[in-house]
């Protein structure tokens, strides 16, 4: 029999931890709730975790720092749902760029939290084989660039390594898996963050802009990621997949 999904809650608000734990347990999850990053790390070492609900505002180490460090040290770390009381879109984008899989602003409805958790879990398990961290090492070549999918960084024509944030890597992988095909903003948001678009949500546009900067791709006449008016974006270059690095 399959074990229930294990959710790790990291929030310094005791009442919030109790409320979320009770609600998620009633919906069939196993829950561990802790109040800071040190306790989070101890849990991750001791038992398998399927998803982390991580509050942005924490004592000592904030959620952004914990998310960034976790992604940097363990590419196979669980998906992260960031909780934030901040309303500015730029602050939410920073969380996604640090490697969070989705964000949810406080206050929120319990049913929305449950829906977001289920969507993230579905997406993480529905990834095609060539997106899993257990994949055979592959280099994806396009134009003047190569993406190392094992180390998750770009390599330019001169051999210089360019680091990518978690959100940038996921977006680039989606483009490389669907080259020369128009992808709408809704599709990109759902594929990269596991949720449908919200009114006036420009997070994909901001991520595309940052990814273009990494690729040194001009916004006015881009070579790689082209804007399709009223539709979305298309990755214009063909992609060469090499399993052996040659």
C-alpha atoms as a PDB file:
ATOM      1  CA  UNK A   1       0.000   0.000   0.000  1.00  0.00           C
ATOM      2  CA  UNK A   2       1.338   3.438  -0.917  1.00  0.00           C
ATOM      3  CA  UNK A   3       2.208   5.724   1.972  1.00  0.00           C
ATOM      4  CA  UNK A   4       0.364   9.054   2.340  1.00  0.00           C
ATOM      5  CA  UNK A   5       2.186  12.082   0.960  1.00  0.00           C
ATOM      6  CA  UNK A   6       4.345  13.705   3.625  1.00  0.00           C
ATOM      7  CA  UNK A   7       4.024  17.493   3.861  1.00  0.00           C
ATOM      8  CA  UNK A   8       6.594  19.511   5.819  1.00  0.00           C
ATOM      9  CA  UNK A   9       5.283  22.845   7.131  1.00  0.00           C
ATOM     10  CA  UNK A  10       7.867  25.480   8.072  1.00  0.00           C
ATOM     11  CA  UNK A  11       6.214  28.446   9.805  1.00  0.00           C
ATOM     12  CA  UNK A  12       7.108  30.274  13.018  1.00  0.00           C
ATOM     13  CA  UNK A  13       3.414  30.982  13.790  1.00  0.00           C
ATOM     14  CA  UNK A  14       2.348  28.170  16.136  1.00  0.00           C
ATOM     15  CA  UNK A  15      -1.368  28.672  15.503  1.00  0.00           C
ATOM     16  CA  UNK A  16      -0.814  28.549  11.743  1.00  0.00           C
ATOM     17  CA  UNK A  17       1.187  25.337  12.065  1.00  0.00           C
ATOM     18  CA  UNK A  18      -1.570  23.696  14.111  1.00  0.00           C
ATOM     19  CA  UNK A  19      -4.344  24.819  11.763  1.00  0.00           C
ATOM     20  CA  UNK A  20      -2.540  23.668   8.617  1.00  0.00           C
ATOM     21  CA  UNK A  21      -1.452  20.390  10.164  1.00  0.00           C
ATOM     22  CA  UNK A  22      -4.970  19.540  11.280  1.00  0.00           C
ATOM     23  CA  UNK A  23      -6.507  20.449   7.925  1.00  0.00           C
ATOM     24  CA  UNK A  24      -3.976  18.544   5.828  1.00  0.00           C
ATOM     25  CA  UNK A  25      -4.095  15.475   8.054  1.00  0.00           C
ATOM     26  CA  UNK A  26      -7.873  15.410   7.700  1.00  0.00           C
ATOM     27  CA  UNK A  27      -7.316  15.391   3.930  1.00  0.00           C
ATOM     28  CA  UNK A  28      -5.110  12.320   4.024  1.00  0.00           C
ATOM     29  CA  UNK A  29      -1.599  13.738   4.325  1.00  0.00           C
ATOM     30  CA  UNK A  30       1.115  12.945   6.824  1.00  0.00           C
ATOM     31  CA  UNK A  31       2.303  16.259   8.264  1.00  0.00           C
ATOM     32  CA  UNK A  32       5.392  17.439  10.121  1.00  0.00           C
ATOM     33  CA  UNK A  33       5.385  21.060  11.291  1.00  0.00           C
ATOM     34  CA  UNK A  34       8.468  22.997  12.434  1.00  0.00           C
ATOM     35  CA  UNK A  35       9.239  26.619  13.200  1.00  0.00           C
ATOM     36  CA  UNK A  36      12.588  27.354  11.537  1.00  0.00           C
ATOM     37  CA  UNK A  37      15.212  26.305   8.998  1.00  0.00           C
ATOM     38  CA  UNK A  38      17.338  24.239  11.374  1.00  0.00           C
ATOM     39  CA  UNK A  39      14.380  22.063  12.270  1.00  0.00           C
ATOM     40  CA  UNK A  40      13.457  21.824   8.571  1.00  0.00           C
ATOM     41  CA  UNK A  41      16.903  20.447   7.722  1.00  0.00           C
ATOM     42  CA  UNK A  42      16.711  17.866  10.493  1.00  0.00           C
ATOM     43  CA  UNK A  43      13.401  16.572   9.144  1.00  0.00           C
ATOM     44  CA  UNK A  44      14.716  16.405   5.573  1.00  0.00           C
ATOM     45  CA  UNK A  45      17.689  14.331   6.686  1.00  0.00           C
ATOM     46  CA  UNK A  46      15.573  11.973   8.758  1.00  0.00           C
ATOM     47  CA  UNK A  47      12.625  11.070   6.549  1.00  0.00           C
ATOM     48  CA  UNK A  48      11.287  11.420   2.974  1.00  0.00           C
ATOM     49  CA  UNK A  49       9.286  14.594   2.339  1.00  0.00           C
ATOM     50  CA  UNK A  50       7.025  15.038  -0.698  1.00  0.00           C
ATOM     51  CA  UNK A  51       6.402  18.804  -0.458  1.00  0.00           C
ATOM     52  CA  UNK A  52       7.466  21.729   1.724  1.00  0.00           C
ATOM     53  CA  UNK A  53       5.066  24.526   2.704  1.00  0.00           C
ATOM     54  CA  UNK A  54       7.558  27.279   3.517  1.00  0.00           C
ATOM     55  CA  UNK A  55       6.735  30.641   5.069  1.00  0.00           C
ATOM     56  CA  UNK A  56       8.658  33.579   3.654  1.00  0.00           C
ATOM     57  CA  UNK A  57       9.026  35.479   6.934  1.00  0.00           C
ATOM     58  CA  UNK A  58      11.000  33.324   9.366  1.00  0.00           C
ATOM     59  CA  UNK A  59      13.424  34.153  12.205  1.00  0.00           C
ATOM     60  CA  UNK A  60      17.176  33.864  11.577  1.00  0.00           C
ATOM     61  CA  UNK A  61      16.934  32.448   8.017  1.00  0.00           C
ATOM     62  CA  UNK A  62      14.025  33.629   5.885  1.00  0.00           C
ATOM     63  CA  UNK A  63      12.146  31.442   3.442  1.00  0.00           C
ATOM     64  CA  UNK A  64      13.942  32.822   0.396  1.00  0.00           C
ATOM     65  CA  UNK A  65      17.353  31.949   1.837  1.00  0.00           C
ATOM     66  CA  UNK A  66      16.219  28.462   2.825  1.00  0.00           C
ATOM     67  CA  UNK A  67      14.687  27.857  -0.598  1.00  0.00           C
ATOM     68  CA  UNK A  68      17.783  29.059  -2.446  1.00  0.00           C
ATOM     69  CA  UNK A  69      20.172  27.017  -0.293  1.00  0.00           C
ATOM     70  CA  UNK A  70      18.063  23.884  -0.545  1.00  0.00           C
ATOM     71  CA  UNK A  71      17.934  24.057  -4.332  1.00  0.00           C
ATOM     72  CA  UNK A  72      21.665  24.780  -4.558  1.00  0.00           C
ATOM     73  CA  UNK A  73      22.712  21.860  -2.352  1.00  0.00           C
ATOM     74  CA  UNK A  74      20.131  19.264  -3.384  1.00  0.00           C
ATOM     75  CA  UNK A  75      18.663  19.352  -6.933  1.00  0.00           C
ATOM     76  CA  UNK A  76      16.376  16.460  -5.938  1.00  0.00           C
ATOM     77  CA  UNK A  77      14.876  18.363  -3.001  1.00  0.00           C
ATOM     78  CA  UNK A  78      11.066  18.348  -2.631  1.00  0.00           C
ATOM     79  CA  UNK A  79       8.854  20.901  -4.381  1.00  0.00           C
ATOM     80  CA  UNK A  80       8.235  24.071  -2.377  1.00  0.00           C
ATOM     81  CA  UNK A  81       5.040  26.085  -1.908  1.00  0.00           C
ATOM     82  CA  UNK A  82       6.006  29.508  -0.553  1.00  0.00           C
ATOM     83  CA  UNK A  83       3.646  31.329   1.821  1.00  0.00           C
ATOM     84  CA  UNK A  84       3.966  35.088   1.785  1.00  0.00           C
ATOM     85  CA  UNK A  85       2.165  38.063   3.251  1.00  0.00           C
ATOM     86  CA  UNK A  86       3.835  40.348   0.727  1.00  0.00           C
ATOM     87  CA  UNK A  87       1.538  41.579  -2.016  1.00  0.00           C
ATOM     88  CA  UNK A  88       4.037  42.997  -4.483  1.00  0.00           C
ATOM     89  CA  UNK A  89       4.431  40.850  -7.602  1.00  0.00           C
ATOM     90  CA  UNK A  90       8.194  41.400  -7.726  1.00  0.00           C
ATOM     91  CA  UNK A  91       8.553  39.855  -4.265  1.00  0.00           C
ATOM     92  CA  UNK A  92       6.644  36.779  -5.404  1.00  0.00           C
ATOM     93  CA  UNK A  93       8.855  36.480  -8.482  1.00  0.00           C
ATOM     94  CA  UNK A  94      11.966  36.473  -6.305  1.00  0.00           C
ATOM     95  CA  UNK A  95      10.571  33.417  -4.528  1.00  0.00           C
ATOM     96  CA  UNK A  96      10.013  31.619  -7.824  1.00  0.00           C
ATOM     97  CA  UNK A  97      13.501  32.516  -8.989  1.00  0.00           C
ATOM     98  CA  UNK A  98      15.000  31.112  -5.787  1.00  0.00           C
ATOM     99  CA  UNK A  99      13.436  27.776  -6.733  1.00  0.00           C
ATOM    100  CA  UNK A 100       9.938  27.794  -5.248  1.00  0.00           C
ATOM    101  CA  UNK A 101       7.378  25.876  -7.306  1.00  0.00           C
ATOM    102  CA  UNK A 102       4.452  28.140  -6.432  1.00  0.00           C
ATOM    103  CA  UNK A 103       3.441  30.859  -3.988  1.00  0.00           C
ATOM    104  CA  UNK A 104       0.315  31.599  -1.973  1.00  0.00           C
ATOM    105  CA  UNK A 105      -0.385  34.940  -0.340  1.00  0.00           C
ATOM    106  CA  UNK A 106      -1.674  35.248   3.206  1.00  0.00           C
ATOM    107  CA  UNK A 107      -4.468  35.219   4.167  1.00  0.00           C
ATOM    108  CA  UNK A 108      -5.639  32.287   2.056  1.00  0.00           C
ATOM    109  CA  UNK A 109      -8.481  29.786   2.031  1.00  0.00           C
ATOM    110  CA  UNK A 110      -7.603  26.285   3.212  1.00  0.00           C
ATOM    111  CA  UNK A 111      -9.191  24.800   0.096  1.00  0.00           C
ATOM    112  CA  UNK A 112      -6.913  26.894  -2.116  1.00  0.00           C
ATOM    113  CA  UNK A 113      -3.848  25.673  -0.203  1.00  0.00           C
ATOM    114  CA  UNK A 114      -5.028  22.089  -0.679  1.00  0.00           C
ATOM    115  CA  UNK A 115      -5.609  22.647  -4.396  1.00  0.00           C
ATOM    116  CA  UNK A 116      -2.141  24.181  -4.851  1.00  0.00           C
ATOM    117  CA  UNK A 117      -0.474  21.301  -2.994  1.00  0.00           C
ATOM    118  CA  UNK A 118      -2.285  18.693  -5.084  1.00  0.00           C
ATOM    119  CA  UNK A 119      -1.438  20.539  -8.309  1.00  0.00           C
ATOM    120  CA  UNK A 120       2.264  20.739  -7.444  1.00  0.00           C
ATOM    121  CA  UNK A 121       2.385  17.060  -6.517  1.00  0.00           C
ATOM    122  CA  UNK A 122       0.607  16.091  -9.746  1.00  0.00           C
ATOM    123  CA  UNK A 123       3.016  18.162 -11.801  1.00  0.00           C
ATOM    124  CA  UNK A 124       6.121  16.823 -10.087  1.00  0.00           C
ATOM    125  CA  UNK A 125       5.005  13.255 -10.735  1.00  0.00           C
ATOM    126  CA  UNK A 126       3.831  13.895 -14.276  1.00  0.00           C
ATOM    127  CA  UNK A 127       7.204  15.154 -15.523  1.00  0.00           C
ATOM    128  CA  UNK A 128       8.419  13.230 -18.555  1.00  0.00           C
ATOM    129  CA  UNK A 129      11.438  10.998 -18.001  1.00  0.00           C
ATOM    130  CA  UNK A 130      13.884  13.475 -19.524  1.00  0.00           C
ATOM    131  CA  UNK A 131      13.004  16.041 -16.822  1.00  0.00           C
ATOM    132  CA  UNK A 132      13.600  13.823 -13.804  1.00  0.00           C
ATOM    133  CA  UNK A 133      16.756  14.241 -11.778  1.00  0.00           C
ATOM    134  CA  UNK A 134      17.575  10.551 -12.340  1.00  0.00           C
ATOM    135  CA  UNK A 135      17.886  11.060 -16.078  1.00  0.00           C
ATOM    136  CA  UNK A 136      20.951   9.992 -18.050  1.00  0.00           C
ATOM    137  CA  UNK A 137      23.293  12.971 -18.289  1.00  0.00           C
ATOM    138  CA  UNK A 138      22.367  15.024 -21.334  1.00  0.00           C
ATOM    139  CA  UNK A 139      23.559  18.165 -23.035  1.00  0.00           C
ATOM    140  CA  UNK A 140      20.958  20.096 -24.982  1.00  0.00           C
ATOM    141  CA  UNK A 141      22.460  22.256 -27.702  1.00  0.00           C
ATOM    142  CA  UNK A 142      20.801  25.256 -29.348  1.00  0.00           C
ATOM    143  CA  UNK A 143      22.382  28.118 -31.243  1.00  0.00           C
ATOM    144  CA  UNK A 144      25.485  29.288 -29.405  1.00  0.00           C
ATOM    145  CA  UNK A 145      24.471  27.596 -26.152  1.00  0.00           C
ATOM    146  CA  UNK A 146      24.487  24.221 -24.412  1.00  0.00           C
ATOM    147  CA  UNK A 147      22.330  23.373 -21.406  1.00  0.00           C
ATOM    148  CA  UNK A 148      23.845  20.879 -18.980  1.00  0.00           C
ATOM    149  CA  UNK A 149      20.750  19.180 -17.545  1.00  0.00           C
ATOM    150  CA  UNK A 150      22.713  17.400 -14.827  1.00  0.00           C
ATOM    151  CA  UNK A 151      24.322  20.496 -13.320  1.00  0.00           C
ATOM    152  CA  UNK A 152      21.491  22.764 -14.497  1.00  0.00           C
ATOM    153  CA  UNK A 153      23.591  25.516 -16.003  1.00  0.00           C
ATOM    154  CA  UNK A 154      24.210  27.044 -19.411  1.00  0.00           C
ATOM    155  CA  UNK A 155      27.512  26.931 -21.289  1.00  0.00           C
ATOM    156  CA  UNK A 156      28.233  29.540 -23.959  1.00  0.00           C
ATOM    157  CA  UNK A 157      30.303  29.101 -27.130  1.00  0.00           C
ATOM    158  CA  UNK A 158      33.498  30.055 -25.257  1.00  0.00           C
ATOM    159  CA  UNK A 159      32.875  27.422 -22.575  1.00  0.00           C
ATOM    160  CA  UNK A 160      31.819  29.910 -19.899  1.00  0.00           C
ATOM    161  CA  UNK A 161      29.264  28.623 -17.424  1.00  0.00           C
ATOM    162  CA  UNK A 162      26.129  30.697 -16.756  1.00  0.00           C
ATOM    163  CA  UNK A 163      24.112  29.774 -13.659  1.00  0.00           C
ATOM    164  CA  UNK A 164      20.315  29.594 -13.755  1.00  0.00           C
ATOM    165  CA  UNK A 165      17.789  30.013 -10.982  1.00  0.00           C
ATOM    166  CA  UNK A 166      15.338  27.189 -10.436  1.00  0.00           C
ATOM    167  CA  UNK A 167      12.540  29.070 -12.174  1.00  0.00           C
ATOM    168  CA  UNK A 168      14.759  29.992 -15.138  1.00  0.00           C
ATOM    169  CA  UNK A 169      15.878  26.397 -15.564  1.00  0.00           C
ATOM    170  CA  UNK A 170      12.317  25.034 -15.512  1.00  0.00           C
ATOM    171  CA  UNK A 171      11.153  27.606 -18.056  1.00  0.00           C
ATOM    172  CA  UNK A 172      14.091  26.926 -20.376  1.00  0.00           C
ATOM    173  CA  UNK A 173      13.497  23.166 -20.165  1.00  0.00           C
ATOM    174  CA  UNK A 174       9.882  23.648 -21.224  1.00  0.00           C
ATOM    175  CA  UNK A 175      11.001  25.716 -24.213  1.00  0.00           C
ATOM    176  CA  UNK A 176      13.673  23.192 -25.184  1.00  0.00           C
ATOM    177  CA  UNK A 177      11.203  20.315 -24.928  1.00  0.00           C
ATOM    178  CA  UNK A 178       8.801  22.175 -27.257  1.00  0.00           C
ATOM    179  CA  UNK A 179      10.982  24.101 -29.747  1.00  0.00           C
ATOM    180  CA  UNK A 180       9.396  26.028 -32.592  1.00  0.00           C
ATOM    181  CA  UNK A 181       5.955  25.663 -31.045  1.00  0.00           C
ATOM    182  CA  UNK A 182       3.872  28.561 -29.721  1.00  0.00           C
ATOM    183  CA  UNK A 183       3.205  28.226 -25.976  1.00  0.00           C
ATOM    184  CA  UNK A 184       0.652  30.510 -24.337  1.00  0.00           C
ATOM    185  CA  UNK A 185       1.307  32.295 -21.057  1.00  0.00           C
ATOM    186  CA  UNK A 186      -1.325  30.116 -19.417  1.00  0.00           C
ATOM    187  CA  UNK A 187       0.440  26.952 -20.604  1.00  0.00           C
ATOM    188  CA  UNK A 188       3.838  28.175 -19.464  1.00  0.00           C
ATOM    189  CA  UNK A 189       2.528  29.202 -16.048  1.00  0.00           C
ATOM    190  CA  UNK A 190       0.826  25.855 -15.586  1.00  0.00           C
ATOM    191  CA  UNK A 191       3.835  23.839 -16.758  1.00  0.00           C
ATOM    192  CA  UNK A 192       6.423  25.739 -14.728  1.00  0.00           C
ATOM    193  CA  UNK A 193       4.444  26.556 -11.580  1.00  0.00           C
ATOM    194  CA  UNK A 194       1.641  23.985 -11.546  1.00  0.00           C
ATOM    195  CA  UNK A 195      -1.268  26.397 -11.580  1.00  0.00           C
ATOM    196  CA  UNK A 196      -3.564  28.309 -13.858  1.00  0.00           C
ATOM    197  CA  UNK A 197      -2.966  31.957 -14.577  1.00  0.00           C
ATOM    198  CA  UNK A 198      -4.486  34.695 -12.437  1.00  0.00           C
ATOM    199  CA  UNK A 199      -5.759  38.057 -13.729  1.00  0.00           C
ATOM    200  CA  UNK A 200      -2.860  40.403 -14.509  1.00  0.00           C
ATOM    201  CA  UNK A 201      -0.284  37.770 -13.513  1.00  0.00           C
ATOM    202  CA  UNK A 202       2.880  38.819 -15.369  1.00  0.00           C
ATOM    203  CA  UNK A 203       5.280  36.383 -13.702  1.00  0.00           C
ATOM    204  CA  UNK A 204       5.941  34.480 -16.941  1.00  0.00           C
ATOM    205  CA  UNK A 205       6.761  37.706 -18.772  1.00  0.00           C
ATOM    206  CA  UNK A 206       9.236  38.638 -16.045  1.00  0.00           C
ATOM    207  CA  UNK A 207      10.817  35.187 -16.135  1.00  0.00           C
ATOM    208  CA  UNK A 208      11.083  35.302 -19.916  1.00  0.00           C
ATOM    209  CA  UNK A 209      12.788  38.689 -19.625  1.00  0.00           C
ATOM    210  CA  UNK A 210      15.304  37.315 -17.115  1.00  0.00           C
ATOM    211  CA  UNK A 211      15.932  34.202 -19.210  1.00  0.00           C
ATOM    212  CA  UNK A 212      16.549  36.381 -22.272  1.00  0.00           C
ATOM    213  CA  UNK A 213      19.167  38.253 -20.262  1.00  0.00           C
ATOM    214  CA  UNK A 214      20.882  34.967 -19.401  1.00  0.00           C
ATOM    215  CA  UNK A 215      20.877  34.005 -23.099  1.00  0.00           C
ATOM    216  CA  UNK A 216      22.013  37.530 -24.081  1.00  0.00           C
ATOM    217  CA  UNK A 217      18.920  37.595 -26.248  1.00  0.00           C
ATOM    218  CA  UNK A 218      17.792  41.074 -27.262  1.00  0.00           C
ATOM    219  CA  UNK A 219      14.177  41.871 -26.388  1.00  0.00           C
ATOM    220  CA  UNK A 220      13.611  43.876 -29.592  1.00  0.00           C
ATOM    221  CA  UNK A 221      14.901  41.241 -32.022  1.00  0.00           C
ATOM    222  CA  UNK A 222      15.388  38.065 -29.992  1.00  0.00           C
ATOM    223  CA  UNK A 223      17.021  35.051 -31.601  1.00  0.00           C
ATOM    224  CA  UNK A 224      15.840  32.404 -29.182  1.00  0.00           C
ATOM    225  CA  UNK A 225      12.624  33.344 -27.363  1.00  0.00           C
ATOM    226  CA  UNK A 226      10.292  35.251 -29.645  1.00  0.00           C
ATOM    227  CA  UNK A 227       7.065  36.920 -28.574  1.00  0.00           C
ATOM    228  CA  UNK A 228       3.947  35.935 -30.496  1.00  0.00           C
ATOM    229  CA  UNK A 229       1.536  38.838 -30.210  1.00  0.00           C
ATOM    230  CA  UNK A 230      -1.699  38.023 -28.367  1.00  0.00           C
ATOM    231  CA  UNK A 231      -0.629  34.382 -27.973  1.00  0.00           C
ATOM    232  CA  UNK A 232       2.550  33.811 -25.987  1.00  0.00           C
ATOM    233  CA  UNK A 233       6.114  32.794 -26.809  1.00  0.00           C
ATOM    234  CA  UNK A 234       7.960  30.450 -29.158  1.00  0.00           C
ATOM    235  CA  UNK A 235      11.476  29.049 -28.849  1.00  0.00           C
ATOM    236  CA  UNK A 236      12.711  29.670 -32.388  1.00  0.00           C
ATOM    237  CA  UNK A 237      15.925  27.603 -32.514  1.00  0.00           C
ATOM    238  CA  UNK A 238      16.126  23.838 -33.178  1.00  0.00           C
ATOM    239  CA  UNK A 239      17.426  21.738 -30.277  1.00  0.00           C
ATOM    240  CA  UNK A 240      20.115  19.071 -30.515  1.00  0.00           C
ATOM    241  CA  UNK A 241      19.950  16.362 -27.823  1.00  0.00           C
ATOM    242  CA  UNK A 242      23.221  14.585 -27.009  1.00  0.00           C
ATOM    243  CA  UNK A 243      23.396  11.891 -24.340  1.00  0.00           C
ATOM    244  CA  UNK A 244      27.143  11.360 -24.367  1.00  0.00           C
ATOM    245  CA  UNK A 245      28.282  14.955 -24.458  1.00  0.00           C
ATOM    246  CA  UNK A 246      29.665  14.760 -27.991  1.00  0.00           C
END
